[in-house]
Protein backbone atom coordinates (compact mmCIF):
# COMPACT_ATOMS: atom_id res chain seq x y z
CA MET A 1 -121.35 83.02 69.11
CA LEU A 2 -121.97 80.12 71.45
CA MET A 3 -118.83 78.13 70.66
CA ARG A 4 -115.91 78.44 68.28
CA VAL A 5 -113.40 75.60 67.89
CA VAL A 6 -110.19 76.30 65.97
CA LEU A 7 -107.78 73.58 64.85
CA VAL A 8 -104.32 75.02 64.21
CA CYS A 9 -102.41 72.49 62.14
CA GLY A 10 -99.23 72.39 60.11
CA PRO A 11 -95.83 70.71 59.90
CA SER A 12 -93.60 70.57 62.97
CA GLY A 13 -91.65 73.79 63.45
CA SER A 14 -93.89 75.94 61.25
CA GLY A 15 -94.97 78.22 64.11
CA LYS A 16 -98.32 76.81 65.30
CA SER A 17 -97.64 77.62 68.98
CA THR A 18 -96.43 81.09 68.09
CA TYR A 19 -99.51 81.71 65.95
CA ILE A 20 -101.78 80.59 68.80
CA ALA A 21 -99.93 82.73 71.34
CA GLU A 22 -100.15 85.76 69.06
CA ASN A 23 -103.71 85.40 67.80
CA LEU A 24 -105.85 83.05 69.88
CA TYR A 25 -104.42 82.39 73.34
CA ARG A 26 -105.85 85.42 75.13
CA ASP A 27 -109.43 84.66 74.01
CA ALA A 28 -109.25 80.89 74.45
CA VAL A 29 -111.08 79.14 77.27
CA ASP A 30 -109.06 76.01 76.52
CA VAL A 31 -105.95 75.16 74.46
CA ILE A 32 -105.43 71.45 73.79
CA ASP A 33 -102.07 70.42 72.35
CA LEU A 34 -101.58 67.07 70.60
CA TYR A 35 -97.93 67.08 71.70
CA GLN A 36 -99.04 66.71 75.34
CA PHE A 37 -100.58 63.38 74.42
CA GLN A 38 -97.52 62.19 72.49
CA GLU A 39 -94.93 62.43 75.25
CA MET A 40 -93.21 59.06 75.72
CA LYS A 41 -93.27 59.36 79.52
CA SER A 42 -97.07 59.19 79.44
CA TYR A 43 -97.10 55.60 78.19
CA PRO A 44 -95.79 52.28 79.51
CA SER A 45 -92.42 51.38 78.00
CA GLY A 46 -93.88 48.31 76.24
CA ILE A 47 -96.17 50.34 74.00
CA HIS A 48 -94.95 50.50 70.42
CA GLY A 49 -94.51 53.96 68.87
CA VAL A 50 -97.22 53.45 66.23
CA LEU A 51 -99.77 52.42 68.88
CA MET A 52 -98.73 55.39 71.00
CA VAL A 53 -99.43 57.77 68.09
CA ARG A 54 -102.86 56.22 67.51
CA LEU A 55 -103.69 56.42 71.21
CA SER A 56 -102.53 60.04 71.36
CA TYR A 57 -105.02 61.07 68.67
CA ALA A 58 -107.81 59.17 70.45
CA PHE A 59 -106.94 60.77 73.82
CA LEU A 60 -106.82 64.23 72.22
CA GLU A 61 -110.22 63.73 70.58
CA ASP A 62 -111.69 62.72 73.96
CA ALA A 63 -110.18 65.81 75.59
CA VAL A 64 -111.54 68.07 72.83
CA VAL A 65 -115.06 66.60 73.04
CA ALA A 66 -115.04 66.98 76.85
CA ALA A 67 -113.80 70.60 76.61
CA VAL A 68 -116.36 71.57 73.96
CA GLN A 69 -119.23 69.92 75.86
CA LYS A 70 -118.21 71.67 79.08
CA HIS A 71 -117.91 75.09 77.49
CA ILE A 72 -121.17 74.76 75.52
CA LEU A 73 -122.94 74.03 78.82
CA LEU A 74 -121.23 77.01 80.47
CA GLU A 75 -122.08 79.35 77.59
CA THR A 76 -125.68 78.10 77.51
CA GLU A 77 -126.01 78.77 81.25
CA LYS A 78 -124.54 82.28 80.84
CA ARG A 79 -127.12 83.01 78.14
CA ARG A 80 -129.95 81.66 80.29
CA GLN A 81 -128.90 83.87 83.21
CA ARG A 82 -128.45 86.91 80.95
CA ALA A 83 -131.91 86.37 79.45
CA GLN A 84 -133.46 86.09 82.93
CA GLN A 85 -131.84 89.40 83.87
CA GLY A 86 -133.13 91.02 80.68
CA GLY A 87 -129.64 91.50 79.23
CA ALA A 88 -128.58 91.24 75.59
CA ILE A 89 -127.35 87.76 74.74
CA SER A 90 -125.53 89.03 71.65
CA SER A 91 -123.05 90.88 73.87
CA LEU A 92 -121.65 87.61 75.22
CA PRO A 93 -118.39 86.66 73.49
CA GLY A 94 -118.89 82.86 73.46
CA GLY A 95 -116.28 80.19 74.10
CA LEU A 96 -113.16 79.50 72.08
CA VAL A 97 -111.45 76.10 72.24
CA VAL A 98 -108.13 75.85 70.38
CA ILE A 99 -106.60 72.56 69.22
CA GLU A 100 -102.95 72.39 68.19
CA GLY A 101 -101.50 69.48 66.24
CA THR A 102 -99.71 68.57 63.05
CA TYR A 103 -102.73 66.82 61.45
CA VAL A 104 -100.82 66.24 58.22
CA LYS A 105 -103.48 64.02 56.61
CA ALA A 106 -107.14 64.77 55.94
CA ARG A 107 -108.17 61.33 57.24
CA ARG A 108 -106.78 62.24 60.70
CA ARG A 109 -108.72 65.50 60.66
CA ALA A 110 -111.91 63.65 59.58
CA ASP A 111 -112.24 61.81 62.92
CA LEU A 112 -111.75 65.03 64.85
CA ILE A 113 -114.27 66.91 62.68
CA GLN A 114 -116.86 64.16 63.11
CA ASP A 115 -116.46 64.10 66.92
CA VAL A 116 -116.66 67.89 67.28
CA LYS A 117 -119.61 68.24 64.88
CA THR A 118 -121.48 65.59 66.90
CA VAL A 119 -121.14 67.77 70.00
CA PHE A 120 -122.34 70.80 67.99
CA ASP A 121 -125.51 68.96 66.92
CA GLY A 122 -128.52 71.07 67.89
CA TYR A 123 -126.57 74.29 68.43
CA GLU A 124 -126.73 76.79 65.57
CA ASP A 125 -124.10 79.22 66.86
CA CYS A 126 -121.16 76.83 66.83
CA VAL A 127 -118.37 76.85 64.24
CA PHE A 128 -115.33 74.67 63.62
CA GLU A 129 -112.50 76.51 61.89
CA CYS A 130 -109.09 75.40 60.70
CA VAL A 131 -105.94 77.52 60.53
CA CYS A 132 -103.17 75.87 58.53
CA VAL A 133 -99.71 77.29 59.29
CA ILE A 134 -97.32 76.20 56.57
CA ASN A 135 -94.04 77.81 55.54
CA SER A 136 -90.39 77.10 54.77
CA ARG A 137 -89.53 76.94 58.51
CA GLY A 138 -91.54 73.74 59.01
CA ASN A 139 -90.22 70.19 58.77
CA LYS A 140 -89.51 69.64 55.06
CA PHE A 141 -90.55 65.97 55.08
CA MET A 142 -93.89 66.78 56.72
CA ARG A 143 -94.34 69.71 54.34
CA ALA A 144 -93.96 67.35 51.39
CA ASP A 145 -96.72 65.04 52.73
CA PHE A 146 -99.01 67.74 54.11
CA GLU A 147 -102.57 67.81 52.76
CA ILE A 148 -103.87 71.39 52.90
CA PRO A 149 -107.26 71.46 54.72
CA THR A 150 -110.37 72.53 52.83
CA VAL A 151 -113.98 73.34 53.75
CA GLU A 152 -114.97 70.18 51.85
CA GLU A 153 -113.50 68.21 54.77
CA GLY A 154 -116.24 69.64 57.00
CA PHE A 155 -114.71 72.80 58.46
CA ASP A 156 -116.87 75.91 58.48
CA LYS A 157 -113.86 78.05 57.56
CA VAL A 158 -110.24 77.37 56.56
CA THR A 159 -107.43 79.93 56.70
CA VAL A 160 -103.97 79.18 55.30
CA VAL A 161 -101.21 81.22 56.91
CA GLU A 162 -98.02 81.02 54.88
CA ASP A 163 -96.07 83.41 57.06
CA PHE A 164 -96.76 85.90 59.80
CA GLU A 165 -94.94 88.53 61.78
CA THR A 166 -94.99 88.30 65.56
CA GLU A 167 -96.29 91.41 67.29
CA THR A 168 -95.41 90.39 70.84
CA PRO A 169 -91.78 90.69 71.96
CA ILE A 170 -90.22 87.22 71.83
CA PRO A 171 -89.54 86.85 75.62
CA ASP A 172 -93.23 87.58 76.39
CA LEU A 173 -94.33 85.29 73.57
CA GLN A 174 -92.16 82.46 74.91
CA GLN A 175 -93.79 82.79 78.34
CA ILE A 176 -97.22 82.47 76.75
CA VAL A 177 -96.15 79.42 74.73
CA ASP A 178 -94.53 77.83 77.80
CA ALA A 179 -97.68 78.44 79.85
CA GLN A 180 -99.76 76.80 77.14
CA LYS A 181 -97.43 73.79 76.95
CA SER A 182 -97.36 73.36 80.73
CA ILE A 183 -101.10 72.73 81.04
CA ASP A 184 -101.08 69.20 82.40
CA ARG A 185 -103.92 67.11 80.99
CA ILE A 186 -102.31 63.82 81.93
CA LYS A 187 -102.81 62.88 85.59
CA ASP A 188 -99.37 62.51 87.16
CA GLY A 189 -97.84 62.46 83.67
CA CYS A 190 -99.34 59.12 82.70
CA PHE A 191 -102.63 58.06 81.08
CA PHE A 192 -102.35 54.57 82.52
CA GLU A 193 -102.09 55.26 86.26
């Protein structure tokens, strides 16, 4: 596979970060977290909360498109070099970009799907999957409003995870989650500097 993009969505507190750490983190070439773009310190104090939320989705989509483009180019170059050396291209694992965010509404996911699918245009071995983590641990108000993703939205595959057992001991898992959260995509903590 040339490129696999996985959106992990679900209500706050449902275990998205834990699911990523358990199942996707070790194979991912990039993990992009919506929360990193929604930190108040990243925006001037005069920006209203609603505008900040809209900007955060736009900034995340830009980061996702940039990451996918970069990794498609890298994977394409790896395949070109492997072919020149007479090696089997099918043995290359391909890139995995993971996106984490609540994405409660289908209309929010639609913009992201459209942007990612545009980058995929012309590449057959690219898929966009969605993993929906939803359970009783998540925020009950978000759970009530949450629209379960479907393939009709444009995903190549949708998996709904109602509950899961962690295999990694919790201290190790927390280190993985903390490492993922600490990836700084905002120069000096602010988009506007």
